[in-house]
Amino acid sequence: MNPVLRNRLIGLAIAVVLFAADQAYKSYILDGLQLSLGQSHYLLPFFQYTLTHNYGVSLGMFTAESDAQRWALVAVTGAIALVVTIWMLRERKMGDIVPLALILGGALGNIMDRYSLGYVVDFLDLHFGDFRPFMIFNLADAAITVGVVIILARSLLIRDKAPDQPADPAVES
């Protein structure tokens, strides 16, 4: 199998596995633990499950207060997921494909929630006493964030080497 095709298929597999894991985790929170809105389940002194419904997108921005806004968010996030998919399928290197796969898998998990429930299920609550460095989030949100951070880090820190150019004999004196 062509290595580039293999990398792209691995990227798609990562996105699908992440999507499935996100949906299974949310199902566990809703059906297994049967948390109700605002209810918490203690795990560690700095981490617990606290069920919230996110009607917006990242950091609760662009809250959908009507069905029309809900479906607009589904459409916009679906379009973004499509762009990420195309971008991922155009990349060749695993270092470029993996973060896009994380973003795609996470986006699909949140799109599925918004499509089927009208909101995104958030429940991961990291805190240090009363200090919460993040809003309550889910596995999909974490994957999207990690994917974006990797893309930013790679774009800022890793430079492709310029191809070797033939020496100009006039410059070599």
Foldseek 3Di string as FASTA:
>chain_A
DDLQVVLLVVLQVLLVVLLVVQVVVLCCVCPVVVDDAQDWDDDDLFKIWGKHWQQAPPPNPQGDPDPVSLVVVLVVLVVVLVVLSVVLSPDRDNLLSNLSSLLNSLSSNQSVCCVPPVTGIFTIFGGDVPHGPGDGGTSSVVSNVVSVVSVVCCVVPPDDDDPDDDDDVVVVD
